[in-house]
Amino acid sequence: TKYTLVERQTAAVSLVQRVVGRDAAILFDVKITGKGSPLDPDTFQVSDIARRIDILDGPLILLTGTNGVAVASALNWYLRYTCKVDTSWNSPFPLQLPETLPSVGKPITRNSLVRWGYYENVCTHSYTQAWWDWARWEREIDWMAMSGINLPLALTGQEAVIQRVFLRMGLTHAQIAPYFTGPAFLAWNRMINIKSWAGHLPQSWIDGQQQLQQRILERERSLGMTPVLPAFAGGVPEAMQISHPTAKFTRH
């Protein structure tokens, strides 16, 4: 999905509102510049906004970036190094800002040292994130953007796709169900190490995870991230030997 400049701008502004609160967000202005080339690094700048003497309210700080991730990184830089506000993984949003926002002084410009900032591992998606709702994921994605992450692993909801493929290949729901483990063990199931353990997965859970993944991907892409989606690892239910008797199977 390609996002217009207005859509990317809106996504970045919404992130600022979630991180600092709507009241404080009016003190920030956001500008998305885009990139001259896809190979160009993400770039951000933090600068003061000069006010007219007859205007007593309005934005004070300008956050400029090539995309939403860059703008979020600019916000993180300003909050952490200028405002001395803790923006760590455990910091509750919205953050508590100083009563008076400090000025930046000389504009701060930073270029990303690498093209891709990767984040996540396969185990976290089942040990921890299998229990997350959208509110928790939304907060995580905001923090990812503030940390310059633009290549996040996105494994949520893949069982819905796997199930759909197996159904198209002639298996029934009853034949597929024993293949999946419970949510906390899906990392090992996805790596073809175990099956069935603490299963079966309720269909409502499978469907809910698919819907959650769609929201995750939409948000990540709107901020300029490139989610890393899973491919087929090679594991199939045992019943596949019945529906495809001439195929070759290897037992792990």
Protein backbone atom coordinates (compact mmCIF):
# COMPACT_ATOMS: atom_id res chain seq x y z
CA THR A 1 0.00 0.00 0.00
CA LYS A 2 1.31 3.44 -0.94
CA TYR A 3 0.40 6.38 1.26
CA THR A 4 -0.04 9.95 0.13
CA LEU A 5 1.93 12.76 1.73
CA VAL A 6 -1.21 13.85 3.57
CA GLU A 7 -1.78 10.34 4.94
CA ARG A 8 1.85 10.06 6.09
CA GLN A 9 1.63 13.51 7.66
CA THR A 10 -1.55 12.53 9.49
CA ALA A 11 0.07 9.32 10.78
CA ALA A 12 3.05 11.26 12.13
CA VAL A 13 0.89 13.92 13.79
CA SER A 14 -1.24 11.21 15.43
CA LEU A 15 1.90 9.58 16.81
CA VAL A 16 3.00 12.87 18.39
CA GLN A 17 -0.44 13.23 19.97
CA ARG A 18 -0.29 9.76 21.48
CA VAL A 19 3.25 10.20 22.81
CA VAL A 20 2.93 13.65 24.43
CA GLY A 21 -0.85 14.02 24.71
CA ARG A 22 -3.17 16.17 22.62
CA ASP A 23 -2.70 19.31 24.71
CA ALA A 24 1.09 19.25 24.45
CA ALA A 25 0.99 18.14 20.81
CA ILE A 26 -0.23 21.56 19.69
CA LEU A 27 3.22 22.89 20.61
CA PHE A 28 4.78 20.73 17.88
CA ASP A 29 4.55 21.10 14.13
CA VAL A 30 5.31 18.18 11.80
CA LYS A 31 6.68 18.20 8.28
CA ILE A 32 7.18 15.12 6.09
CA THR A 33 9.66 15.73 3.27
CA GLY A 34 9.91 12.32 1.59
CA LYS A 35 13.09 10.93 0.04
CA GLY A 36 14.83 11.83 -3.20
CA SER A 37 15.67 8.14 -3.67
CA PRO A 38 14.60 4.94 -1.84
CA LEU A 39 18.29 4.37 -1.12
CA ASP A 40 18.62 7.65 0.77
CA PRO A 41 18.89 7.32 4.58
CA ASP A 42 16.14 8.49 6.89
CA THR A 43 16.83 12.06 7.97
CA PHE A 44 15.30 14.30 10.63
CA GLN A 45 15.68 17.83 11.92
CA VAL A 46 14.51 19.48 15.13
CA SER A 47 14.25 23.24 15.13
CA ASP A 48 12.57 26.17 16.88
CA ILE A 49 9.61 27.96 15.34
CA ALA A 50 9.83 31.74 15.49
CA ARG A 51 6.60 33.27 16.79
CA ARG A 52 5.26 36.68 15.98
CA ILE A 53 5.19 38.87 19.04
CA ASP A 54 1.40 39.27 18.78
CA ILE A 55 0.79 35.48 18.74
CA LEU A 56 0.80 33.90 22.21
CA ASP A 57 -0.01 30.32 21.31
CA GLY A 58 0.76 27.83 18.57
CA PRO A 59 3.61 25.45 17.81
CA LEU A 60 7.09 26.05 19.22
CA ILE A 61 9.04 23.06 17.89
CA LEU A 62 9.25 21.87 14.27
CA LEU A 63 9.86 18.16 13.67
CA THR A 64 10.96 17.52 10.09
CA GLY A 65 11.61 14.05 8.69
CA THR A 66 11.65 11.97 5.55
CA ASN A 67 8.80 9.80 6.91
CA GLY A 68 6.91 9.00 10.09
CA VAL A 69 9.79 7.03 11.57
CA ALA A 70 12.13 9.98 11.03
CA VAL A 71 9.66 12.43 12.60
CA ALA A 72 9.20 10.08 15.57
CA SER A 73 12.99 9.87 15.91
CA ALA A 74 13.15 13.67 15.88
CA LEU A 75 10.56 13.80 18.65
CA ASN A 76 12.50 11.20 20.65
CA TRP A 77 15.73 13.17 20.24
CA TYR A 78 14.13 16.41 21.42
CA LEU A 79 12.38 14.81 24.39
CA ARG A 80 15.39 12.81 25.51
CA TYR A 81 18.26 15.25 25.00
CA THR A 82 16.61 18.67 25.21
CA CYS A 83 13.71 18.08 27.60
CA LYS A 84 15.51 15.33 29.59
CA VAL A 85 12.36 13.19 29.47
CA ASP A 86 12.62 9.40 29.79
CA THR A 87 11.45 7.80 26.54
CA SER A 88 12.43 4.21 27.34
CA TRP A 89 10.45 1.07 26.54
CA ASN A 90 8.66 1.23 29.91
CA SER A 91 7.83 4.94 29.89
CA PRO A 92 4.04 5.42 30.02
CA PHE A 93 2.42 7.40 27.20
CA PRO A 94 1.49 10.20 27.15
CA LEU A 95 4.79 11.41 28.57
CA GLN A 96 5.03 14.14 31.20
CA LEU A 97 6.72 17.16 29.59
CA PRO A 98 8.28 20.23 31.25
CA GLU A 99 5.82 23.07 31.90
CA THR A 100 7.75 25.20 29.44
CA LEU A 101 9.28 23.53 26.42
CA PRO A 102 12.98 24.38 26.10
CA SER A 103 14.20 25.87 22.85
CA VAL A 104 16.41 23.87 20.52
CA GLY A 105 18.78 26.69 19.59
CA LYS A 106 20.80 25.68 16.60
CA PRO A 107 18.72 23.24 14.48
CA ILE A 108 19.64 19.58 15.05
CA THR A 109 19.95 17.42 11.91
CA ARG A 110 20.68 13.70 11.94
CA ASN A 111 20.98 11.09 9.20
CA SER A 112 20.42 7.41 9.86
CA LEU A 113 23.71 5.50 9.86
CA VAL A 114 22.05 2.46 8.27
CA ARG A 115 19.32 1.99 5.72
CA TRP A 116 17.46 -0.66 7.73
CA GLY A 117 16.76 -0.79 11.45
CA TYR A 118 15.57 -4.34 12.23
CA TYR A 119 13.63 -5.30 15.35
CA GLU A 120 12.12 -8.40 16.97
CA ASN A 121 12.70 -12.16 17.09
CA VAL A 122 10.42 -15.10 16.48
CA CYS A 123 10.10 -16.19 20.12
CA THR A 124 8.87 -12.84 21.45
CA HIS A 125 5.87 -13.07 19.16
CA SER A 126 4.53 -16.10 21.05
CA TYR A 127 6.12 -15.81 24.51
CA THR A 128 4.89 -12.25 25.02
CA GLN A 129 3.08 -10.66 22.11
CA ALA A 130 0.52 -13.43 21.62
CA TRP A 131 -1.31 -11.83 24.55
CA TRP A 132 -1.17 -8.23 23.35
CA ASP A 133 -4.24 -6.29 22.26
CA TRP A 134 -4.27 -3.38 19.83
CA ALA A 135 -3.62 -0.77 22.54
CA ARG A 136 -0.39 -2.52 23.55
CA TRP A 137 0.69 -2.98 19.93
CA GLU A 138 -0.05 0.67 19.14
CA ARG A 139 2.22 1.76 21.97
CA GLU A 140 4.96 -0.61 20.82
CA ILE A 141 4.83 0.64 17.23
CA ASP A 142 5.09 4.24 18.44
CA TRP A 143 8.17 3.33 20.50
CA MET A 144 9.63 1.42 17.53
CA ALA A 145 9.26 4.49 15.33
CA MET A 146 10.84 6.72 17.97
CA SER A 147 13.77 4.28 18.09
CA GLY A 148 14.32 4.46 14.33
CA ILE A 149 12.98 0.98 13.59
CA ASN A 150 11.87 0.67 9.97
CA LEU A 151 12.18 -3.10 9.41
CA PRO A 152 10.05 -4.84 12.07
CA LEU A 153 9.34 -8.56 12.12
CA ALA A 154 5.57 -9.06 11.71
CA LEU A 155 4.46 -12.62 12.51
CA THR A 156 1.06 -12.00 14.13
CA GLY A 157 -1.91 -13.79 12.58
CA GLN A 158 -0.06 -16.08 10.17
CA GLU A 159 -2.07 -19.11 11.36
CA ALA A 160 -5.09 -17.70 9.52
CA VAL A 161 -3.13 -17.78 6.25
CA ILE A 162 -1.71 -21.25 6.94
CA GLN A 163 -5.17 -22.56 7.78
CA ARG A 164 -6.64 -21.09 4.60
CA VAL A 165 -3.93 -22.67 2.44
CA PHE A 166 -4.38 -26.10 4.03
CA LEU A 167 -8.15 -25.88 3.49
CA ARG A 168 -7.59 -25.10 -0.19
CA MET A 169 -5.33 -28.15 -0.38
CA GLY A 170 -8.20 -30.38 0.68
CA LEU A 171 -7.82 -30.70 4.45
CA THR A 172 -10.67 -30.15 6.88
CA HIS A 173 -10.72 -27.92 9.95
CA ALA A 174 -10.64 -31.07 12.11
CA GLN A 175 -7.51 -32.32 10.32
CA ILE A 176 -5.74 -28.97 10.61
CA ALA A 177 -6.57 -28.23 14.26
CA PRO A 178 -4.09 -30.72 15.83
CA TYR A 179 -1.24 -29.14 13.89
CA PHE A 180 -1.30 -25.82 15.77
CA THR A 181 0.01 -25.42 19.32
CA GLY A 182 -1.33 -23.01 21.91
CA PRO A 183 -0.38 -19.30 21.53
CA ALA A 184 2.61 -19.42 23.90
CA PHE A 185 4.26 -22.19 21.86
CA LEU A 186 3.62 -20.94 18.34
CA ALA A 187 7.24 -19.90 17.84
CA TRP A 188 8.24 -23.57 18.06
CA ASN A 189 5.29 -24.66 15.96
CA ARG A 190 6.22 -22.16 13.25
CA MET A 191 9.79 -23.53 13.28
CA ILE A 192 8.41 -27.10 12.87
CA ASN A 193 9.66 -28.23 16.28
CA ILE A 194 6.38 -29.18 17.97
CA LYS A 195 2.69 -29.54 17.20
CA SER A 196 -0.55 -29.70 19.21
CA TRP A 197 1.05 -28.76 22.54
CA ALA A 198 -1.41 -26.66 24.57
CA GLY A 199 -3.67 -26.50 21.50
CA HIS A 200 -6.14 -26.42 19.79
CA LEU A 201 -6.46 -22.78 18.75
CA PRO A 202 -10.03 -21.44 18.90
CA GLN A 203 -11.21 -20.13 15.55
CA SER A 204 -12.10 -16.86 17.25
CA TRP A 205 -8.44 -16.46 18.28
CA ILE A 206 -7.17 -17.21 14.77
CA ASP A 207 -9.59 -14.70 13.25
CA GLY A 208 -8.85 -12.09 15.91
CA GLN A 209 -5.09 -12.35 15.34
CA GLN A 210 -5.58 -11.87 11.61
CA GLN A 211 -7.58 -8.69 12.21
CA LEU A 212 -4.95 -7.50 14.68
CA GLN A 213 -2.18 -8.11 12.16
CA GLN A 214 -4.00 -6.06 9.55
CA ARG A 215 -4.08 -3.09 11.95
CA ILE A 216 -0.40 -3.60 12.83
CA LEU A 217 0.67 -3.65 9.18
CA GLU A 218 -1.42 -0.61 8.29
CA ARG A 219 0.06 1.45 11.11
CA GLU A 220 3.66 0.35 10.48
CA ARG A 221 3.44 1.07 6.76
CA SER A 222 1.78 4.46 7.28
CA LEU A 223 4.80 5.48 9.36
CA GLY A 224 7.24 4.41 6.65
CA MET A 225 8.17 0.97 7.99
CA THR A 226 8.64 -2.14 5.86
CA PRO A 227 7.20 -5.07 7.86
CA VAL A 228 8.99 -8.43 7.48
CA LEU A 229 6.32 -11.07 6.80
CA PRO A 230 6.79 -14.83 7.24
CA ALA A 231 7.12 -17.34 4.42
CA PHE A 232 6.13 -21.02 4.40
CA ALA A 233 8.49 -22.95 6.70
CA GLY A 234 7.65 -26.39 5.33
CA GLY A 235 5.55 -28.00 8.06
CA VAL A 236 2.18 -29.59 7.31
CA PRO A 237 -0.43 -31.57 9.27
CA GLU A 238 -0.04 -35.36 9.22
CA ALA A 239 -3.35 -35.63 7.39
CA MET A 240 -1.64 -34.16 4.34
CA GLN A 241 -0.23 -37.64 3.69
CA ILE A 242 -3.78 -38.87 3.20
CA SER A 243 -4.89 -36.10 0.84
CA HIS A 244 -1.60 -36.19 -1.11
CA PRO A 245 -0.49 -39.82 -0.99
CA THR A 246 2.13 -39.49 -3.77
CA ALA A 247 3.97 -36.56 -2.17
CA LYS A 248 7.20 -37.08 -0.21
CA PHE A 249 7.16 -36.19 3.49
CA THR A 250 9.91 -36.09 6.12
CA ARG A 251 9.12 -36.57 9.80
CA HIS A 252 10.93 -34.21 12.14
